[in-house]
Amino acid sequence: NIKLEKGLYTTSKGFTKSLEELDPSENYIGTELEG
């Protein structure tokens, strides 16, 4: 359900880190998406 937009590339953090803030990997520990 994450809204992907070009603005994620313009932040000082970069695309992946900005995306991680919206969808933290720690929420998937113990699931099939872990890793």
Full PDB file with SEQRES, HELIX, SHEET, SSBOND, CRYST1, ORIGX, SCALE, CONECT and MASTER records, all heavy atoms in Angstrom:
SEQRES   1 A   35  ASN ILE LYS LEU GLU LYS GLY LEU TYR THR THR SER LYS          
SEQRES   2 A   35  GLY PHE THR LYS SER LEU GLU GLU LEU ASP PRO SER GLU          
SEQRES   3 A   35  ASN TYR ILE GLY THR GLU LEU GLU GLY                          
HELIX    1 AA1 LYS A    6  TYR A    9  5                                   4    
HELIX    2 AA2 PHE A   15  LEU A   22  1                                   8    
HELIX    3 AA3 SER A   25  TYR A   28  5                                   4    
CRYST1    1.000    1.000    1.000  90.00  90.00  90.00 P 1           1          
ORIGX1      1.000000  0.000000  0.000000        0.00000                         
ORIGX2      0.000000  1.000000  0.000000        0.00000                         
ORIGX3      0.000000  0.000000  1.000000        0.00000                         
SCALE1      1.000000  0.000000  0.000000        0.00000                         
SCALE2      0.000000  1.000000  0.000000        0.00000                         
SCALE3      0.000000  0.000000  1.000000        0.00000                         
ATOM      1  N   ASN A   1       0.817  -1.213   0.000  1.00  0.00           N  
ATOM      2  CA  ASN A   1       0.000   0.000   0.000  1.00  0.00           C  
ATOM      3  C   ASN A   1       0.853   1.268   0.000  1.00  0.00           C  
ATOM      4  O   ASN A   1       0.323   2.376   0.100  1.00  0.00           O  
ATOM      5  CB  ASN A   1      -0.919   0.029   1.235  1.00  0.00           C  
ATOM      6  CG  ASN A   1      -2.008  -1.030   1.158  1.00  0.00           C  
ATOM      7  OD1 ASN A   1      -2.544  -1.291   0.077  1.00  0.00           O  
ATOM      8  ND2 ASN A   1      -2.308  -1.661   2.282  1.00  0.00           N  
ATOM      9  N   ILE A   2       2.161   1.108  -0.116  1.00  0.00           N  
ATOM     10  CA  ILE A   2       3.062   2.259  -0.130  1.00  0.00           C  
ATOM     11  C   ILE A   2       2.851   3.059  -1.416  1.00  0.00           C  
ATOM     12  O   ILE A   2       2.777   2.499  -2.510  1.00  0.00           O  
ATOM     13  CB  ILE A   2       4.536   1.802  -0.036  1.00  0.00           C  
ATOM     14  CG1 ILE A   2       4.793   1.092   1.290  1.00  0.00           C  
ATOM     15  CG2 ILE A   2       5.487   2.977  -0.206  1.00  0.00           C  
ATOM     16  CD1 ILE A   2       4.706   1.987   2.492  1.00  0.00           C  
ATOM     17  N   LYS A   3       2.781   4.374  -1.261  1.00  0.00           N  
ATOM     18  CA  LYS A   3       2.662   5.245  -2.427  1.00  0.00           C  
ATOM     19  C   LYS A   3       4.050   5.572  -2.960  1.00  0.00           C  
ATOM     20  O   LYS A   3       4.851   6.240  -2.311  1.00  0.00           O  
ATOM     21  CB  LYS A   3       1.928   6.536  -2.065  1.00  0.00           C  
ATOM     22  CG  LYS A   3       1.729   7.473  -3.262  1.00  0.00           C  
ATOM     23  CD  LYS A   3       1.022   8.755  -2.846  1.00  0.00           C  
ATOM     24  CE  LYS A   3       0.833   9.683  -4.046  1.00  0.00           C  
ATOM     25  NZ  LYS A   3       0.167  10.950  -3.659  1.00  0.00           N  
ATOM     26  N   LEU A   4       4.357   5.070  -4.134  1.00  0.00           N  
ATOM     27  CA  LEU A   4       5.655   5.320  -4.749  1.00  0.00           C  
ATOM     28  C   LEU A   4       5.587   6.584  -5.603  1.00  0.00           C  
ATOM     29  O   LEU A   4       4.694   6.728  -6.435  1.00  0.00           O  
ATOM     30  CB  LEU A   4       6.072   4.134  -5.620  1.00  0.00           C  
ATOM     31  CG  LEU A   4       6.250   2.792  -4.901  1.00  0.00           C  
ATOM     32  CD1 LEU A   4       6.615   1.704  -5.903  1.00  0.00           C  
ATOM     33  CD2 LEU A   4       7.316   2.898  -3.819  1.00  0.00           C  
ATOM     34  N   GLU A   5       6.539   7.479  -5.401  1.00  0.00           N  
ATOM     35  CA  GLU A   5       6.576   8.721  -6.168  1.00  0.00           C  
ATOM     36  C   GLU A   5       8.019   9.173  -6.335  1.00  0.00           C  
ATOM     37  O   GLU A   5       8.911   8.774  -5.579  1.00  0.00           O  
ATOM     38  CB  GLU A   5       5.761   9.803  -5.467  1.00  0.00           C  
ATOM     39  CG  GLU A   5       6.162  10.041  -4.026  1.00  0.00           C  
ATOM     40  CD  GLU A   5       5.225  11.008  -3.325  1.00  0.00           C  
ATOM     41  OE1 GLU A   5       4.284  11.473  -3.974  1.00  0.00           O  
ATOM     42  OE2 GLU A   5       5.464  11.295  -2.151  1.00  0.00           O  
ATOM     43  N   LYS A   6       8.231  10.046  -7.316  1.00  0.00           N  
ATOM     44  CA  LYS A   6       9.583  10.509  -7.627  1.00  0.00           C  
ATOM     45  C   LYS A   6      10.207  11.279  -6.474  1.00  0.00           C  
ATOM     46  O   LYS A   6      11.436  11.354  -6.354  1.00  0.00           O  
ATOM     47  CB  LYS A   6       9.567  11.368  -8.890  1.00  0.00           C  
ATOM     48  CG  LYS A   6       9.279  10.584 -10.146  1.00  0.00           C  
ATOM     49  CD  LYS A   6       9.465  11.426 -11.387  1.00  0.00           C  
ATOM     50  CE  LYS A   6       8.369  12.477 -11.513  1.00  0.00           C  
ATOM     51  NZ  LYS A   6       8.490  13.232 -12.777  1.00  0.00           N  
ATOM     52  N   GLY A   7       9.389  11.859  -5.620  1.00  0.00           N  
ATOM     53  CA  GLY A   7       9.897  12.642  -4.502  1.00  0.00           C  
ATOM     54  C   GLY A   7      10.769  11.837  -3.557  1.00  0.00           C  
ATOM     55  O   GLY A   7      11.587  12.408  -2.819  1.00  0.00           O  
ATOM     56  N   LEU A   8      10.639  10.517  -3.562  1.00  0.00           N  
ATOM     57  CA  LEU A   8      11.471   9.678  -2.703  1.00  0.00           C  
ATOM     58  C   LEU A   8      12.945   9.733  -3.110  1.00  0.00           C  
ATOM     59  O   LEU A   8      13.824   9.446  -2.301  1.00  0.00           O  
ATOM     60  CB  LEU A   8      10.974   8.226  -2.748  1.00  0.00           C  
ATOM     61  CG  LEU A   8       9.597   7.952  -2.125  1.00  0.00           C  
ATOM     62  CD1 LEU A   8       9.143   6.533  -2.425  1.00  0.00           C  
ATOM     63  CD2 LEU A   8       9.637   8.191  -0.617  1.00  0.00           C  
ATOM     64  N   TYR A   9      13.200  10.115  -4.371  1.00  0.00           N  
ATOM     65  CA  TYR A   9      14.586  10.214  -4.834  1.00  0.00           C  
ATOM     66  C   TYR A   9      15.232  11.538  -4.448  1.00  0.00           C  
ATOM     67  O   TYR A   9      16.458  11.651  -4.462  1.00  0.00           O  
ATOM     68  CB  TYR A   9      14.641  10.071  -6.361  1.00  0.00           C  
ATOM     69  CG  TYR A   9      14.431   8.654  -6.856  1.00  0.00           C  
ATOM     70  CD1 TYR A   9      13.193   8.250  -7.341  1.00  0.00           C  
ATOM     71  CD2 TYR A   9      15.467   7.728  -6.849  1.00  0.00           C  
ATOM     72  CE1 TYR A   9      12.993   6.952  -7.806  1.00  0.00           C  
ATOM     73  CE2 TYR A   9      15.277   6.437  -7.306  1.00  0.00           C  
ATOM     74  CZ  TYR A   9      14.036   6.051  -7.791  1.00  0.00           C  
ATOM     75  OH  TYR A   9      13.844   4.773  -8.237  1.00  0.00           O  
ATOM     76  N   THR A  10      14.454  12.538  -4.150  1.00  0.00           N  
ATOM     77  CA  THR A  10      14.988  13.880  -3.931  1.00  0.00           C  
ATOM     78  C   THR A  10      15.387  14.146  -2.483  1.00  0.00           C  
ATOM     79  O   THR A  10      15.961  15.188  -2.180  1.00  0.00           O  
ATOM     80  CB  THR A  10      13.966  14.949  -4.363  1.00  0.00           C  
ATOM     81  OG1 THR A  10      12.765  14.815  -3.582  1.00  0.00           O  
ATOM     82  CG2 THR A  10      13.624  14.792  -5.834  1.00  0.00           C  
ATOM     83  N   THR A  11      15.077  13.251  -1.575  1.00  0.00           N  
ATOM     84  CA  THR A  11      15.439  13.461  -0.176  1.00  0.00           C  
ATOM     85  C   THR A  11      16.939  13.231   0.012  1.00  0.00           C  
ATOM     86  O   THR A  11      17.589  12.549  -0.788  1.00  0.00           O  
ATOM     87  CB  THR A  11      14.672  12.505   0.751  1.00  0.00           C  
ATOM     88  OG1 THR A  11      15.106  11.166   0.508  1.00  0.00           O  
ATOM     89  CG2 THR A  11      13.177  12.604   0.500  1.00  0.00           C  
ATOM     90  N   SER A  12      17.492  13.792   1.065  1.00  0.00           N  
ATOM     91  CA  SER A  12      18.919  13.630   1.347  1.00  0.00           C  
ATOM     92  C   SER A  12      19.265  12.188   1.694  1.00  0.00           C  
ATOM     93  O   SER A  12      20.415  11.767   1.568  1.00  0.00           O  
ATOM     94  CB  SER A  12      19.339  14.556   2.495  1.00  0.00           C  
ATOM     95  OG  SER A  12      18.605  14.256   3.676  1.00  0.00           O  
ATOM     96  N   LYS A  13      18.277  11.422   2.108  1.00  0.00           N  
ATOM     97  CA  LYS A  13      18.518  10.027   2.506  1.00  0.00           C  
ATOM     98  C   LYS A  13      18.661   9.097   1.308  1.00  0.00           C  
ATOM     99  O   LYS A  13      19.267   8.037   1.397  1.00  0.00           O  
ATOM    100  CB  LYS A  13      17.380   9.523   3.395  1.00  0.00           C  
ATOM    101  CG  LYS A  13      17.146  10.324   4.662  1.00  0.00           C  
ATOM    102  CD  LYS A  13      16.008   9.736   5.466  1.00  0.00           C  
ATOM    103  CE  LYS A  13      15.694  10.577   6.691  1.00  0.00           C  
ATOM    104  NZ  LYS A  13      15.144  11.896   6.335  1.00  0.00           N  
ATOM    105  N   GLY A  14      18.074   9.469   0.172  1.00  0.00           N  
ATOM    106  CA  GLY A  14      18.063   8.580  -0.965  1.00  0.00           C  
ATOM    107  C   GLY A  14      16.797   7.733  -0.997  1.00  0.00           C  
ATOM    108  O   GLY A  14      16.018   7.698  -0.044  1.00  0.00           O  
ATOM    109  N   PHE A  15      16.589   7.034  -2.100  1.00  0.00           N  
ATOM    110  CA  PHE A  15      15.339   6.321  -2.343  1.00  0.00           C  
ATOM    111  C   PHE A  15      15.095   5.201  -1.342  1.00  0.00           C  
ATOM    112  O   PHE A  15      14.048   5.142  -0.695  1.00  0.00           O  
ATOM    113  CB  PHE A  15      15.337   5.754  -3.765  1.00  0.00           C  
ATOM    114  CG  PHE A  15      14.048   5.071  -4.132  1.00  0.00           C  
ATOM    115  CD1 PHE A  15      12.947   5.806  -4.547  1.00  0.00           C  
ATOM    116  CD2 PHE A  15      13.928   3.695  -4.062  1.00  0.00           C  
ATOM    117  CE1 PHE A  15      11.753   5.180  -4.886  1.00  0.00           C  
ATOM    118  CE2 PHE A  15      12.745   3.059  -4.395  1.00  0.00           C  
ATOM    119  CZ  PHE A  15      11.649   3.814  -4.808  1.00  0.00           C  
ATOM    120  N   THR A  16      16.056   4.299  -1.177  1.00  0.00           N  
ATOM    121  CA  THR A  16      15.832   3.131  -0.321  1.00  0.00           C  
ATOM    122  C   THR A  16      15.625   3.515   1.134  1.00  0.00           C  
ATOM    123  O   THR A  16      14.724   2.981   1.803  1.00  0.00           O  
ATOM    124  CB  THR A  16      17.001   2.138  -0.439  1.00  0.00           C  
ATOM    125  OG1 THR A  16      17.055   1.630  -1.785  1.00  0.00           O  
ATOM    126  CG2 THR A  16      16.831   0.970   0.515  1.00  0.00           C  
ATOM    127  N   LYS A  17      16.447   4.421   1.660  1.00  0.00           N  
ATOM    128  CA  LYS A  17      16.297   4.822   3.059  1.00  0.00           C  
ATOM    129  C   LYS A  17      14.970   5.538   3.291  1.00  0.00           C  
ATOM    130  O   LYS A  17      14.334   5.368   4.346  1.00  0.00           O  
ATOM    131  CB  LYS A  17      17.471   5.709   3.480  1.00  0.00           C  
ATOM    132  CG  LYS A  17      18.774   4.943   3.605  1.00  0.00           C  
ATOM    133  CD  LYS A  17      19.897   5.833   4.115  1.00  0.00           C  
ATOM    134  CE  LYS A  17      21.192   5.047   4.257  1.00  0.00           C  
ATOM    135  NZ  LYS A  17      22.314   5.903   4.723  1.00  0.00           N  
ATOM    136  N   SER A  18      14.546   6.341   2.321  1.00  0.00           N  
ATOM    137  CA  SER A  18      13.243   7.000   2.439  1.00  0.00           C  
ATOM    138  C   SER A  18      12.117   5.968   2.427  1.00  0.00           C  
ATOM    139  O   SER A  18      11.136   6.082   3.160  1.00  0.00           O  
ATOM    140  CB  SER A  18      13.051   8.005   1.304  1.00  0.00           C  
ATOM    141  OG  SER A  18      14.019   9.019   1.356  1.00  0.00           O  
ATOM    142  N   LEU A  19      12.299   4.958   1.595  1.00  0.00           N  
ATOM    143  CA  LEU A  19      11.309   3.893   1.511  1.00  0.00           C  
ATOM    144  C   LEU A  19      11.290   3.077   2.801  1.00  0.00           C  
ATOM    145  O   LEU A  19      10.219   2.651   3.265  1.00  0.00           O  
ATOM    146  CB  LEU A  19      11.627   3.001   0.317  1.00  0.00           C  
ATOM    147  CG  LEU A  19      10.507   2.100  -0.230  1.00  0.00           C  
ATOM    148  CD1 LEU A  19       9.299   2.926  -0.647  1.00  0.00           C  
ATOM    149  CD2 LEU A  19      11.022   1.286  -1.412  1.00  0.00           C  
ATOM    150  N   GLU A  20      12.460   2.869   3.391  1.00  0.00           N  
ATOM    151  CA  GLU A  20      12.544   2.130   4.657  1.00  0.00           C  
ATOM    152  C   GLU A  20      11.808   2.853   5.782  1.00  0.00           C  
ATOM    153  O   GLU A  20      11.242   2.205   6.671  1.00  0.00           O  
ATOM    154  CB  GLU A  20      14.002   1.923   5.052  1.00  0.00           C  
ATOM    155  CG  GLU A  20      14.705   0.781   4.343  1.00  0.00           C  
ATOM    156  CD  GLU A  20      14.293  -0.596   4.857  1.00  0.00           C  
ATOM    157  OE1 GLU A  20      13.654  -0.670   5.933  1.00  0.00           O  
ATOM    158  OE2 GLU A  20      14.612  -1.592   4.182  1.00  0.00           O  
ATOM    159  N   GLU A  21      11.798   4.169   5.765  1.00  0.00           N  
ATOM    160  CA  GLU A  21      11.080   4.913   6.794  1.00  0.00           C  
ATOM    161  C   GLU A  21       9.577   4.698   6.673  1.00  0.00           C  
ATOM    162  O   GLU A  21       8.861   4.681   7.677  1.00  0.00           O  
ATOM    163  CB  GLU A  21      11.416   6.402   6.692  1.00  0.00           C  
ATOM    164  CG  GLU A  21      12.839   6.728   7.110  1.00  0.00           C  
ATOM    165  CD  GLU A  21      13.102   8.222   7.129  1.00  0.00           C  
ATOM    166  OE1 GLU A  21      12.214   8.989   6.657  1.00  0.00           O  
ATOM    167  OE2 GLU A  21      14.171   8.628   7.610  1.00  0.00           O  
ATOM    168  N   LEU A  22       9.105   4.534   5.442  1.00  0.00           N  
ATOM    169  CA  LEU A  22       7.682   4.273   5.231  1.00  0.00           C  
ATOM    170  C   LEU A  22       7.324   2.816   5.497  1.00  0.00           C  
ATOM    171  O   LEU A  22       6.195   2.509   5.894  1.00  0.00           O  
ATOM    172  CB  LEU A  22       7.304   4.638   3.784  1.00  0.00           C  
ATOM    173  CG  LEU A  22       7.467   6.104   3.372  1.00  0.00           C  
ATOM    174  CD1 LEU A  22       7.175   6.261   1.885  1.00  0.00           C  
ATOM    175  CD2 LEU A  22       6.541   7.003   4.187  1.00  0.00           C  
ATOM    176  N   ASP A  23       8.290   1.947   5.291  1.00  0.00           N  
ATOM    177  CA  ASP A  23       8.037   0.506   5.403  1.00  0.00           C  
ATOM    178  C   ASP A  23       9.234  -0.166   6.072  1.00  0.00           C  
ATOM    179  O   ASP A  23      10.028  -0.827   5.414  1.00  0.00           O  
ATOM    180  CB  ASP A  23       7.806  -0.068   3.991  1.00  0.00           C  
ATOM    181  CG  ASP A  23       7.487  -1.548   4.014  1.00  0.00           C  
ATOM    182  OD1 ASP A  23       6.825  -2.000   4.976  1.00  0.00           O  
ATOM    183  OD2 ASP A  23       7.919  -2.260   3.073  1.00  0.00           O  
ATOM    184  N   PRO A  24       9.398  -0.033   7.393  1.00  0.00           N  
ATOM    185  CA  PRO A  24      10.578  -0.553   8.103  1.00  0.00           C  
ATOM    186  C   PRO A  24      10.712  -2.069   7.987  1.00  0.00           C  
ATOM    187  O   PRO A  24       9.737  -2.813   8.143  1.00  0.00           O  
ATOM    188  CB  PRO A  24      10.321  -0.137   9.557  1.00  0.00           C  
ATOM    189  CG  PRO A  24       9.330   0.979   9.482  1.00  0.00           C  
ATOM    190  CD  PRO A  24       8.464   0.664   8.302  1.00  0.00           C  
ATOM    191  N   SER A  25      11.929  -2.518   7.739  1.00  0.00           N  
ATOM    192  CA  SER A  25      12.190  -3.955   7.604  1.00  0.00           C  
ATOM    193  C   SER A  25      11.975  -4.701   8.912  1.00  0.00           C  
ATOM    194  O   SER A  25      11.678  -5.898   8.909  1.00  0.00           O  
ATOM    195  CB  SER A  25      13.625  -4.172   7.113  1.00  0.00           C  
ATOM    196  OG  SER A  25      13.778  -3.714   5.787  1.00  0.00           O  
ATOM    197  N   GLU A  26      12.120  -4.004  10.029  1.00  0.00           N  
ATOM    198  CA  GLU A  26      11.943  -4.663  11.325  1.00  0.00           C  
ATOM    199  C   GLU A  26      10.525  -5.175  11.517  1.00  0.00           C  
ATOM    200  O   GLU A  26      10.279  -6.068  12.337  1.00  0.00           O  
ATOM    201  CB  GLU A  26      12.297  -3.697  12.452  1.00  0.00           C  
ATOM    202  CG  GLU A  26      11.438  -2.456  12.495  1.00  0.00           C  
ATOM    203  CD  GLU A  26      11.930  -1.440  13.519  1.00  0.00           C  
ATOM    204  OE1 GLU A  26      13.136  -1.427  13.818  1.00  0.00           O  
ATOM    205  OE2 GLU A  26      11.089  -0.655  13.996  1.00  0.00           O  
ATOM    206  N   ASN A  27       9.566  -4.649  10.760  1.00  0.00           N  
ATOM    207  CA  ASN A  27       8.176  -5.109  10.866  1.00  0.00           C  
ATOM    208  C   ASN A  27       7.973  -6.490  10.267  1.00  0.00           C  
ATOM    209  O   ASN A  27       6.904  -7.091  10.440  1.00  0.00           O  
ATOM    210  CB  ASN A  27       7.227  -4.119  10.179  1.00  0.00           C  
ATOM    211  CG  ASN A  27       7.179  -2.772  10.873  1.00  0.00           C  
ATOM    212  OD1 ASN A  27       7.578  -2.655  12.038  1.00  0.00           O  
ATOM    213  ND2 ASN A  27       6.708  -1.750  10.176  1.00  0.00           N  
ATOM    214  N   TYR A  28       8.994  -6.994   9.547  1.00  0.00           N  
ATOM    215  CA  TYR A  28       8.827  -8.262   8.830  1.00  0.00           C  
ATOM    216  C   TYR A  28       9.651  -9.387   9.442  1.00  0.00           C  
ATOM    217  O   TYR A  28       9.757 -10.459   8.847  1.00  0.00           O  
ATOM    218  CB  TYR A  28       9.197  -8.063   7.353  1.00  0.00           C  
ATOM    219  CG  TYR A  28       8.291  -7.076   6.656  1.00  0.00           C  
ATOM    220  CD1 TYR A  28       8.610  -5.722   6.649  1.00  0.00           C  
ATOM    221  CD2 TYR A  28       7.104  -7.483   6.052  1.00  0.00           C  
ATOM    222  CE1 TYR A  28       7.779  -4.802   6.034  1.00  0.00           C  
ATOM    223  CE2 TYR A  28       6.271  -6.570   5.434  1.00  0.00           C  
ATOM    224  CZ  TYR A  28       6.604  -5.227   5.430  1.00  0.00           C  
ATOM    225  OH  TYR A  28       5.774  -4.310   4.822  1.00  0.00           O  
ATOM    226  N   ILE A  29      10.238  -9.125  10.617  1.00  0.00           N  
ATOM    227  CA  ILE A  29      10.995 -10.169  11.297  1.00  0.00           C  
ATOM    228  C   ILE A  29      10.056 -11.328  11.658  1.00  0.00           C  
ATOM    229  O   ILE A  29       8.979 -11.127  12.217  1.00  0.00           O  
ATOM    230  CB  ILE A  29      11.664  -9.612  12.565  1.00  0.00           C  
ATOM    231  CG1 ILE A  29      12.700  -8.547  12.191  1.00  0.00           C  
ATOM    232  CG2 ILE A  29      12.324 -10.734  13.368  1.00  0.00           C  
ATOM    233  CD1 ILE A  29      13.344  -7.879  13.372  1.00  0.00           C  
ATOM    234  N   GLY A  30      10.453 -12.526  11.300  1.00  0.00           N  
ATOM    235  CA  GLY A  30       9.634 -13.698  11.567  1.00  0.00           C  
ATOM    236  C   GLY A  30       8.624 -14.018  10.493  1.00  0.00           C  
ATOM    237  O   GLY A  30       7.864 -14.983  10.624  1.00  0.00           O  
ATOM    238  N   THR A  31       8.603 -13.228   9.398  1.00  0.00           N  
ATOM    239  CA  THR A  31       7.688 -13.490   8.283  1.00  0.00           C  
ATOM    240  C   THR A  31       8.481 -13.997   7.087  1.00  0.00           C  
ATOM    241  O   THR A  31       9.717 -14.026   7.088  1.00  0.00           O  
ATOM    242  CB  THR A  31       6.920 -12.213   7.888  1.00  0.00           C  
ATOM    243  OG1 THR A  31       7.824 -11.307   7.230  1.00  0.00           O  
ATOM    244  CG2 THR A  31       6.336 -11.540   9.127  1.00  0.00           C  
ATOM    245  N   GLU A  32       7.786 -14.371   6.042  1.00  0.00           N  
ATOM    246  CA  GLU A  32       8.447 -14.871   4.834  1.00  0.00           C  
ATOM    247  C   GLU A  32       9.216 -13.760   4.106  1.00  0.00           C  
ATOM    248  O   GLU A  32      10.037 -14.040   3.224  1.00  0.00           O  
ATOM    249  CB  GLU A  32       7.420 -15.489   3.886  1.00  0.00           C  
ATOM    250  CG  GLU A  32       6.371 -14.507   3.383  1.00  0.00           C  
ATOM    251  CD  GLU A  32       5.400 -15.127   2.414  1.00  0.00           C  
ATOM    252  OE1 GLU A  32       5.459 -16.361   2.242  1.00  0.00           O  
ATOM    253  OE2 GLU A  32       4.592 -14.386   1.829  1.00  0.00           O  
ATOM    254  N   LEU A  33       8.965 -12.499   4.471  1.00  0.00           N  
ATOM    255  CA  LEU A  33       9.639 -11.363   3.833  1.00  0.00           C  
ATOM    256  C   LEU A  33      10.869 -10.906   4.620  1.00  0.00           C  
ATOM    257  O   LEU A  33      11.509  -9.924   4.240  1.00  0.00           O  
ATOM    258  CB  LEU A  33       8.670 -10.190   3.670  1.00  0.00           C  
ATOM    259  CG  LEU A  33       7.445 -10.462   2.786  1.00  0.00           C  
ATOM    260  CD1 LEU A  33       6.537  -9.246   2.747  1.00  0.00           C  
ATOM    261  CD2 LEU A  33       7.875 -10.854   1.378  1.00  0.00           C  
ATOM    262  N   GLU A  34      11.183 -11.600   5.705  1.00  0.00           N  
ATOM    263  CA  GLU A  34      12.368 -11.244   6.471  1.00  0.00           C  
ATOM    264  C   GLU A  34      13.614 -11.417   5.604  1.00  0.00           C  
ATOM    265  O   GLU A  34      13.739 -12.383   4.862  1.00  0.00           O  
ATOM    266  CB  GLU A  34      12.491 -12.128   7.718  1.00  0.00           C  
ATOM    267  CG  GLU A  34      13.675 -11.783   8.602  1.00  0.00           C  
ATOM    268  CD  GLU A  34      13.741 -12.636   9.860  1.00  0.00           C  
ATOM    269  OE1 GLU A  34      12.862 -13.512  10.028  1.00  0.00           O  
ATOM    270  OE2 GLU A  34      14.668 -12.434  10.664  1.00  0.00           O  
ATOM    271  N   GLY A  35      14.521 -10.479   5.689  1.00  0.00           N  
ATOM    272  CA  GLY A  35      15.739 -10.522   4.886  1.00  0.00           C  
ATOM    273  C   GLY A  35      15.673  -9.655   3.649  1.00  0.00           C  
ATOM    274  O   GLY A  35      16.704  -9.398   3.018  1.00  0.00           O  
TER     275      GLY A  35                                                      
MASTER        0    0    0    3    0    0    0    6  274    1    0    3          
END                                                                             
